[in-house]
Amino acid sequence: MISPEFLYNNIPEKQSKYFFSIIQKIGKEKNIEKGKTIVKLGSSPTFFFYIVEGAFKTSIIKNDKAYILGFTYDGDIDCCPS
């Protein structure tokens, strides 16, 4: 499991290349169009994200108001909050 304290950018380059090669073997690259919802509240996804290029925003709508929880950028790994 990758914990929230895991900082991909802090691991040595040789290990990071190895880690990325594993992700490429077991994962599937997917292009997401801007503004598209990836995960909906209440769902139970079984995946994590490795952002190759671009960024995504995590937000929640409560009482008809959107609240931004955070952003994920190039080279970041993120998972689905529960």
Protein backbone atom coordinates (compact mmCIF):
# COMPACT_ATOMS: atom_id res chain seq x y z
CA MET A 1 0.00 0.00 0.00
CA ILE A 2 1.17 3.53 -0.71
CA SER A 3 0.46 5.71 2.30
CA PRO A 4 -0.44 9.42 2.16
CA GLU A 5 3.06 10.14 3.50
CA PHE A 6 4.66 8.51 0.43
CA LEU A 7 6.50 11.15 -1.57
CA TYR A 8 7.41 9.75 -4.98
CA ASN A 9 9.79 12.63 -5.69
CA ASN A 10 11.88 11.76 -2.61
CA ILE A 11 12.95 8.30 -3.77
CA PRO A 12 16.27 7.88 -5.61
CA GLU A 13 16.13 8.19 -9.41
CA LYS A 14 17.08 4.53 -10.04
CA GLN A 15 14.26 3.35 -7.77
CA SER A 16 11.79 5.84 -9.24
CA LYS A 17 12.49 4.53 -12.77
CA TYR A 18 11.94 0.97 -11.50
CA PHE A 19 8.71 2.00 -9.75
CA PHE A 20 7.44 3.75 -12.89
CA SER A 21 8.30 0.70 -15.03
CA ILE A 22 6.16 -1.47 -12.72
CA ILE A 23 3.25 0.96 -12.97
CA GLN A 24 3.52 0.87 -16.76
CA LYS A 25 3.40 -2.94 -16.76
CA ILE A 26 0.44 -3.39 -14.44
CA GLY A 27 -1.50 -0.20 -15.14
CA LYS A 28 -3.30 1.27 -18.10
CA GLU A 29 -2.64 4.75 -19.40
CA LYS A 30 -5.79 6.76 -19.77
CA ASN A 31 -6.33 10.26 -21.11
CA ILE A 32 -9.03 12.19 -19.29
CA GLU A 33 -10.66 15.24 -20.83
CA LYS A 34 -10.60 18.46 -18.84
CA GLY A 35 -13.51 18.82 -16.42
CA LYS A 36 -14.54 15.16 -16.51
CA THR A 37 -15.46 13.48 -13.22
CA ILE A 38 -13.14 10.56 -12.50
CA VAL A 39 -14.50 9.31 -9.17
CA LYS A 40 -17.89 10.05 -7.66
CA LEU A 41 -18.60 10.35 -3.95
CA GLY A 42 -19.76 7.05 -2.50
CA SER A 43 -18.05 4.87 -5.11
CA SER A 44 -15.42 2.31 -4.15
CA PRO A 45 -12.62 2.58 -6.74
CA THR A 46 -9.86 -0.01 -6.80
CA PHE A 47 -7.17 2.06 -8.46
CA PHE A 48 -4.73 4.89 -7.92
CA PHE A 49 -3.46 7.65 -10.17
CA TYR A 50 0.03 8.40 -11.40
CA ILE A 51 -0.11 11.71 -13.23
CA VAL A 52 2.20 11.69 -16.26
CA GLU A 53 1.12 15.08 -17.59
CA GLY A 54 -1.45 17.61 -16.45
CA ALA A 55 -3.29 17.95 -13.17
CA PHE A 56 -6.57 17.10 -11.55
CA LYS A 57 -8.65 18.75 -8.90
CA THR A 58 -10.34 16.95 -6.02
CA SER A 59 -13.49 18.69 -4.89
CA ILE A 60 -16.78 18.04 -3.18
CA ILE A 61 -20.14 19.75 -3.52
CA LYS A 62 -22.00 20.38 -0.28
CA ASN A 63 -25.12 22.53 0.06
CA ASP A 64 -24.80 23.52 -3.61
CA LYS A 65 -21.29 24.92 -3.06
CA ALA A 66 -18.09 23.40 -4.44
CA TYR A 67 -15.15 22.98 -2.06
CA ILE A 68 -11.68 22.23 -3.42
CA LEU A 69 -9.90 19.55 -1.39
CA GLY A 70 -6.63 19.53 -3.32
CA PHE A 71 -4.76 19.16 -6.60
CA THR A 72 -2.61 16.40 -8.10
CA TYR A 73 0.15 17.34 -10.57
CA ASP A 74 2.72 15.79 -12.95
CA GLY A 75 4.70 13.05 -11.24
CA ASP A 76 2.26 12.76 -8.33
CA ILE A 77 0.61 9.61 -7.11
CA ASP A 78 -2.84 9.88 -5.62
CA CYS A 79 -5.60 7.53 -4.62
CA CYS A 80 -9.28 7.81 -4.03
CA PRO A 81 -10.16 9.24 -0.64
CA SER A 82 -12.68 7.38 1.43
